[in-house]
Amino acid sequence: MQIKTFFAAFAVLGLLASCAQMERYHPMDMTQAVQSAKTRADHEALARHYENMAQTMQEKMQKHKKLLEQYEAESYHYGREAEDLKAHSHALIRFYEQAAEANMNMAASHRKMAAEAK
């Protein structure tokens, strides 16, 4: 029983830790960077940033899809928390999927602006 509790607690802490690290992905002030972008190079740099962020979000989404598969395949290991873990994983997968899509849309916009810039 203690082993099941330990693994369930460990899984929940892992999920919480992955969410807590979101701050580190925005080391620069994006509002300022977007507002001050004037040249082709500025817009290309922003597009690369958004593409990198989209890639990071896709990697996180894949990680949570694997966790979800594990929760579904071995729900008996997690006891009552299994349904909560599955629901949480579904929510994170949706969140990261939407974030990746939004970042790719921003990258496409900046690629277009770069093409139109002098």
N, C-alpha and C. Protein backbone atom coordinates (compact mmCIF):
# COMPACT_ATOMS: atom_id res chain seq x y z
N MET A 1 0.82 -1.20 0.00
CA MET A 1 0.00 0.00 0.00
C MET A 1 0.86 1.25 0.00
N GLN A 2 1.96 1.22 0.76
CA GLN A 2 2.83 2.39 0.81
C GLN A 2 3.50 2.63 -0.54
N ILE A 3 3.80 1.57 -1.25
CA ILE A 3 4.45 1.72 -2.55
C ILE A 3 3.50 2.41 -3.52
N LYS A 4 2.23 2.02 -3.51
CA LYS A 4 1.25 2.66 -4.39
C LYS A 4 1.11 4.13 -4.06
N THR A 5 1.05 4.43 -2.78
CA THR A 5 0.93 5.83 -2.35
C THR A 5 2.16 6.62 -2.77
N PHE A 6 3.32 6.02 -2.63
CA PHE A 6 4.57 6.69 -3.01
C PHE A 6 4.57 7.00 -4.50
N PHE A 7 4.23 6.03 -5.34
CA PHE A 7 4.24 6.26 -6.78
C PHE A 7 3.18 7.29 -7.19
N ALA A 8 2.03 7.24 -6.57
CA ALA A 8 0.99 8.22 -6.88
C ALA A 8 1.45 9.62 -6.50
N ALA A 9 2.04 9.76 -5.33
CA ALA A 9 2.55 11.06 -4.89
C ALA A 9 3.67 11.53 -5.80
N PHE A 10 4.53 10.62 -6.19
CA PHE A 10 5.64 10.95 -7.08
C PHE A 10 5.12 11.43 -8.43
N ALA A 11 4.11 10.78 -8.97
CA ALA A 11 3.53 11.18 -10.25
C ALA A 11 2.90 12.56 -10.16
N VAL A 12 2.17 12.81 -9.10
CA VAL A 12 1.53 14.11 -8.91
C VAL A 12 2.58 15.20 -8.77
N LEU A 13 3.63 14.93 -8.00
CA LEU A 13 4.70 15.92 -7.85
C LEU A 13 5.39 16.18 -9.18
N GLY A 14 5.56 15.15 -9.98
CA GLY A 14 6.16 15.33 -11.30
C GLY A 14 5.31 16.23 -12.18
N LEU A 15 4.00 16.02 -12.15
CA LEU A 15 3.10 16.87 -12.94
C LEU A 15 3.13 18.31 -12.45
N LEU A 16 3.13 18.49 -11.15
CA LEU A 16 3.18 19.84 -10.60
C LEU A 16 4.49 20.53 -10.94
N ALA A 17 5.58 19.79 -10.87
CA ALA A 17 6.88 20.37 -11.20
C ALA A 17 6.95 20.79 -12.65
N SER A 18 6.37 20.01 -13.54
CA SER A 18 6.39 20.38 -14.96
C SER A 18 5.57 21.64 -15.21
N CYS A 19 4.52 21.84 -14.46
CA CYS A 19 3.72 23.05 -14.61
C CYS A 19 4.42 24.27 -14.00
N ALA A 20 5.15 24.07 -12.94
CA ALA A 20 5.81 25.17 -12.24
C ALA A 20 6.94 25.76 -13.05
N GLN A 21 7.47 25.06 -14.02
CA GLN A 21 8.61 25.54 -14.77
C GLN A 21 8.23 26.41 -15.95
N MET A 22 6.98 26.73 -16.10
CA MET A 22 6.55 27.53 -17.24
C MET A 22 7.21 28.90 -17.28
N GLU A 23 7.56 29.48 -16.15
CA GLU A 23 8.16 30.79 -16.08
C GLU A 23 9.47 30.87 -16.85
N ARG A 24 10.25 29.82 -16.86
CA ARG A 24 11.59 29.87 -17.45
C ARG A 24 11.56 29.98 -18.96
N TYR A 25 10.43 29.76 -19.61
CA TYR A 25 10.37 29.80 -21.05
C TYR A 25 10.23 31.20 -21.61
N HIS A 26 10.04 32.18 -20.77
CA HIS A 26 9.92 33.56 -21.23
C HIS A 26 10.96 34.44 -20.55
N PRO A 27 12.24 34.25 -20.93
CA PRO A 27 13.30 35.03 -20.29
C PRO A 27 13.29 36.49 -20.75
N MET A 28 12.63 36.79 -21.88
CA MET A 28 12.60 38.17 -22.34
C MET A 28 11.16 38.68 -22.30
N ASP A 29 11.04 39.97 -22.33
CA ASP A 29 9.73 40.60 -22.34
C ASP A 29 9.19 40.53 -23.75
N MET A 30 8.28 39.60 -23.99
CA MET A 30 7.77 39.38 -25.34
C MET A 30 6.97 40.57 -25.85
N THR A 31 6.25 41.24 -24.98
CA THR A 31 5.49 42.41 -25.40
C THR A 31 6.42 43.46 -25.97
N GLN A 32 7.50 43.73 -25.26
CA GLN A 32 8.48 44.70 -25.72
C GLN A 32 9.13 44.25 -27.02
N ALA A 33 9.48 42.97 -27.12
CA ALA A 33 10.14 42.46 -28.32
C ALA A 33 9.22 42.56 -29.53
N VAL A 34 7.95 42.24 -29.36
CA VAL A 34 6.99 42.30 -30.47
C VAL A 34 6.75 43.74 -30.89
N GLN A 35 6.60 44.63 -29.92
CA GLN A 35 6.33 46.04 -30.23
C GLN A 35 7.52 46.72 -30.90
N SER A 36 8.72 46.31 -30.57
CA SER A 36 9.90 46.97 -31.13
C SER A 36 10.42 46.31 -32.40
N ALA A 37 9.80 45.23 -32.84
CA ALA A 37 10.25 44.54 -34.05
C ALA A 37 9.93 45.39 -35.27
N LYS A 38 10.96 45.74 -36.00
CA LYS A 38 10.78 46.59 -37.19
C LYS A 38 11.40 45.95 -38.44
N THR A 39 12.52 45.28 -38.26
CA THR A 39 13.26 44.77 -39.42
C THR A 39 12.93 43.31 -39.69
N ARG A 40 13.39 42.85 -40.85
CA ARG A 40 13.21 41.45 -41.21
C ARG A 40 13.88 40.55 -40.17
N ALA A 41 15.07 40.93 -39.74
CA ALA A 41 15.80 40.12 -38.75
C ALA A 41 15.04 40.04 -37.43
N ASP A 42 14.43 41.15 -37.02
CA ASP A 42 13.63 41.15 -35.78
C ASP A 42 12.48 40.15 -35.87
N HIS A 43 11.76 40.20 -36.99
CA HIS A 43 10.61 39.31 -37.15
C HIS A 43 11.04 37.85 -37.31
N GLU A 44 12.16 37.62 -37.97
CA GLU A 44 12.66 36.25 -38.10
C GLU A 44 13.09 35.70 -36.75
N ALA A 45 13.70 36.55 -35.92
CA ALA A 45 14.10 36.12 -34.57
C ALA A 45 12.86 35.77 -33.74
N LEU A 46 11.84 36.59 -33.84
CA LEU A 46 10.59 36.30 -33.12
C LEU A 46 9.95 35.02 -33.64
N ALA A 47 9.97 34.82 -34.95
CA ALA A 47 9.40 33.59 -35.52
C ALA A 47 10.15 32.37 -35.00
N ARG A 48 11.48 32.45 -34.96
CA ARG A 48 12.27 31.32 -34.42
C ARG A 48 11.93 31.07 -32.95
N HIS A 49 11.77 32.16 -32.20
CA HIS A 49 11.41 32.01 -30.78
C HIS A 49 10.08 31.28 -30.64
N TYR A 50 9.08 31.70 -31.40
CA TYR A 50 7.76 31.07 -31.32
C TYR A 50 7.81 29.63 -31.81
N GLU A 51 8.61 29.34 -32.83
CA GLU A 51 8.74 27.96 -33.29
C GLU A 51 9.41 27.09 -32.23
N ASN A 52 10.42 27.64 -31.57
CA ASN A 52 11.07 26.89 -30.48
C ASN A 52 10.10 26.63 -29.34
N MET A 53 9.29 27.63 -29.02
CA MET A 53 8.29 27.45 -27.96
C MET A 53 7.27 26.39 -28.37
N ALA A 54 6.86 26.40 -29.62
CA ALA A 54 5.90 25.41 -30.10
C ALA A 54 6.50 24.01 -30.00
N GLN A 55 7.76 23.88 -30.35
CA GLN A 55 8.44 22.58 -30.24
C GLN A 55 8.48 22.12 -28.79
N THR A 56 8.78 23.03 -27.89
CA THR A 56 8.82 22.70 -26.46
C THR A 56 7.44 22.25 -25.98
N MET A 57 6.39 22.94 -26.41
CA MET A 57 5.04 22.57 -26.01
C MET A 57 4.65 21.20 -26.58
N GLN A 58 5.08 20.92 -27.81
CA GLN A 58 4.79 19.62 -28.41
C GLN A 58 5.51 18.50 -27.66
N GLU A 59 6.74 18.77 -27.24
CA GLU A 59 7.48 17.76 -26.46
C GLU A 59 6.79 17.49 -25.14
N LYS A 60 6.33 18.53 -24.48
CA LYS A 60 5.62 18.36 -23.21
C LYS A 60 4.31 17.61 -23.43
N MET A 61 3.63 17.92 -24.53
CA MET A 61 2.38 17.23 -24.84
C MET A 61 2.65 15.73 -25.03
N GLN A 62 3.71 15.38 -25.75
CA GLN A 62 4.05 13.97 -25.96
C GLN A 62 4.38 13.28 -24.64
N LYS A 63 5.08 13.99 -23.78
CA LYS A 63 5.42 13.44 -22.46
C LYS A 63 4.14 13.10 -21.68
N HIS A 64 3.19 14.00 -21.71
CA HIS A 64 1.95 13.78 -20.97
C HIS A 64 1.07 12.73 -21.64
N LYS A 65 1.17 12.58 -22.94
CA LYS A 65 0.44 11.51 -23.61
C LYS A 65 0.99 10.16 -23.17
N LYS A 66 2.31 10.06 -23.02
CA LYS A 66 2.90 8.81 -22.53
C LYS A 66 2.49 8.53 -21.09
N LEU A 67 2.44 9.58 -20.28
CA LEU A 67 1.98 9.40 -18.90
C LEU A 67 0.52 8.93 -18.88
N LEU A 68 -0.29 9.53 -19.73
CA LEU A 68 -1.69 9.14 -19.80
C LEU A 68 -1.83 7.68 -20.19
N GLU A 69 -1.04 7.25 -21.17
CA GLU A 69 -1.07 5.84 -21.56
C GLU A 69 -0.72 4.94 -20.38
N GLN A 70 0.26 5.37 -19.61
CA GLN A 70 0.65 4.58 -18.43
C GLN A 70 -0.48 4.55 -17.41
N TYR A 71 -1.09 5.70 -17.17
CA TYR A 71 -2.20 5.75 -16.21
C TYR A 71 -3.35 4.85 -16.65
N GLU A 72 -3.62 4.84 -17.96
CA GLU A 72 -4.73 4.02 -18.46
C GLU A 72 -4.38 2.53 -18.44
N ALA A 73 -3.14 2.21 -18.76
CA ALA A 73 -2.74 0.81 -18.81
C ALA A 73 -2.57 0.21 -17.41
N GLU A 74 -2.17 1.03 -16.47
CA GLU A 74 -1.86 0.52 -15.13
C GLU A 74 -2.59 1.30 -14.05
N SER A 75 -3.85 1.58 -14.30
CA SER A 75 -4.61 2.40 -13.34
C SER A 75 -4.72 1.73 -11.98
N TYR A 76 -4.62 0.41 -11.96
CA TYR A 76 -4.70 -0.29 -10.67
C TYR A 76 -3.53 0.06 -9.75
N HIS A 77 -2.43 0.58 -10.30
CA HIS A 77 -1.30 1.01 -9.46
C HIS A 77 -1.59 2.31 -8.72
N TYR A 78 -2.50 3.09 -9.25
CA TYR A 78 -2.73 4.44 -8.71
C TYR A 78 -3.98 4.54 -7.85
N GLY A 79 -4.72 3.47 -7.77
CA GLY A 79 -5.90 3.45 -6.91
C GLY A 79 -6.92 4.51 -7.28
N ARG A 80 -7.45 5.17 -6.28
CA ARG A 80 -8.49 6.18 -6.50
C ARG A 80 -7.97 7.40 -7.26
N GLU A 81 -6.68 7.65 -7.16
CA GLU A 81 -6.12 8.82 -7.83
C GLU A 81 -6.02 8.64 -9.34
N ALA A 82 -6.21 7.43 -9.84
CA ALA A 82 -6.03 7.16 -11.26
C ALA A 82 -6.91 8.06 -12.13
N GLU A 83 -8.17 8.22 -11.77
CA GLU A 83 -9.06 9.05 -12.57
C GLU A 83 -8.64 10.52 -12.53
N ASP A 84 -8.21 10.97 -11.37
CA ASP A 84 -7.73 12.35 -11.27
C ASP A 84 -6.47 12.56 -12.11
N LEU A 85 -5.57 11.60 -12.08
CA LEU A 85 -4.34 11.69 -12.87
C LEU A 85 -4.64 11.69 -14.36
N LYS A 86 -5.60 10.86 -14.76
CA LYS A 86 -5.98 10.82 -16.17
C LYS A 86 -6.61 12.15 -16.60
N ALA A 87 -7.50 12.67 -15.78
CA ALA A 87 -8.16 13.94 -16.11
C ALA A 87 -7.14 15.07 -16.18
N HIS A 88 -6.21 15.06 -15.24
CA HIS A 88 -5.17 16.09 -15.22
C HIS A 88 -4.30 15.98 -16.48
N SER A 89 -3.96 14.78 -16.86
CA SER A 89 -3.15 14.56 -18.07
C SER A 89 -3.89 15.03 -19.31
N HIS A 90 -5.19 14.71 -19.40
CA HIS A 90 -5.99 15.18 -20.54
C HIS A 90 -5.97 16.71 -20.61
N ALA A 91 -6.13 17.35 -19.45
CA ALA A 91 -6.14 18.82 -19.42
C ALA A 91 -4.79 19.38 -19.86
N LEU A 92 -3.71 18.79 -19.39
CA LEU A 92 -2.37 19.27 -19.78
C LEU A 92 -2.11 19.03 -21.26
N ILE A 93 -2.55 17.92 -21.77
CA ILE A 93 -2.38 17.64 -23.20
C ILE A 93 -3.10 18.70 -24.03
N ARG A 94 -4.34 19.02 -23.65
CA ARG A 94 -5.10 20.07 -24.37
C ARG A 94 -4.38 21.41 -24.27
N PHE A 95 -3.91 21.74 -23.06
CA PHE A 95 -3.23 23.01 -22.84
C PHE A 95 -1.99 23.12 -23.72
N TYR A 96 -1.15 22.10 -23.71
CA TYR A 96 0.09 22.15 -24.49
C TYR A 96 -0.20 22.12 -25.98
N GLU A 97 -1.24 21.43 -26.40
CA GLU A 97 -1.62 21.40 -27.81
C GLU A 97 -2.06 22.79 -28.27
N GLN A 98 -2.87 23.45 -27.46
CA GLN A 98 -3.33 24.80 -27.80
C GLN A 98 -2.16 25.79 -27.78
N ALA A 99 -1.26 25.63 -26.82
CA ALA A 99 -0.10 26.52 -26.73
C ALA A 99 0.81 26.34 -27.95
N ALA A 100 1.01 25.10 -28.37
CA ALA A 100 1.84 24.84 -29.55
C ALA A 100 1.21 25.46 -30.79
N GLU A 101 -0.10 25.31 -30.93
CA GLU A 101 -0.79 25.88 -32.08
C GLU A 101 -0.71 27.41 -32.08
N ALA A 102 -0.91 28.01 -30.92
CA ALA A 102 -0.83 29.47 -30.82
C ALA A 102 0.57 29.96 -31.16
N ASN A 103 1.59 29.26 -30.68
CA ASN A 103 2.96 29.66 -30.98
C ASN A 103 3.27 29.50 -32.47
N MET A 104 2.77 28.46 -33.10
CA MET A 104 3.00 28.28 -34.54
C MET A 104 2.27 29.37 -35.34
N ASN A 105 1.09 29.77 -34.89
CA ASN A 105 0.38 30.87 -35.55
C ASN A 105 1.15 32.18 -35.43
N MET A 106 1.72 32.42 -34.25
CA MET A 106 2.53 33.63 -34.06
C MET A 106 3.78 33.57 -34.94
N ALA A 107 4.40 32.41 -35.02
CA ALA A 107 5.59 32.26 -35.86
C ALA A 107 5.23 32.53 -37.32
N ALA A 108 4.12 32.01 -37.79
CA ALA A 108 3.69 32.24 -39.17
C ALA A 108 3.44 33.72 -39.43
N SER A 109 2.83 34.39 -38.47
CA SER A 109 2.58 35.84 -38.61
C SER A 109 3.89 36.60 -38.73
N HIS A 110 4.85 36.25 -37.90
CA HIS A 110 6.14 36.95 -37.95
C HIS A 110 6.94 36.59 -39.19
N ARG A 111 6.80 35.38 -39.69
CA ARG A 111 7.44 35.02 -40.97
C ARG A 111 6.85 35.87 -42.10
N LYS A 112 5.53 36.06 -42.08
CA LYS A 112 4.89 36.89 -43.08
C LYS A 112 5.36 38.33 -42.98
N MET A 113 5.44 38.84 -41.74
CA MET A 113 5.91 40.22 -41.55
C MET A 113 7.37 40.36 -41.97
N ALA A 114 8.17 39.34 -41.74
CA ALA A 114 9.57 39.37 -42.15
C ALA A 114 9.67 39.45 -43.67
N ALA A 115 8.82 38.70 -44.36
CA ALA A 115 8.84 38.71 -45.82
C ALA A 115 8.42 40.07 -46.37
N GLU A 116 7.54 40.76 -45.64
CA GLU A 116 7.06 42.07 -46.09
C GLU A 116 7.96 43.20 -45.65
N ALA A 117 8.86 42.96 -44.69
CA ALA A 117 9.73 44.01 -44.16
C ALA A 117 10.82 44.35 -45.16
N LYS A 118 11.38 45.52 -44.97
CA LYS A 118 12.46 45.99 -45.85
C LYS A 118 13.73 45.18 -45.67
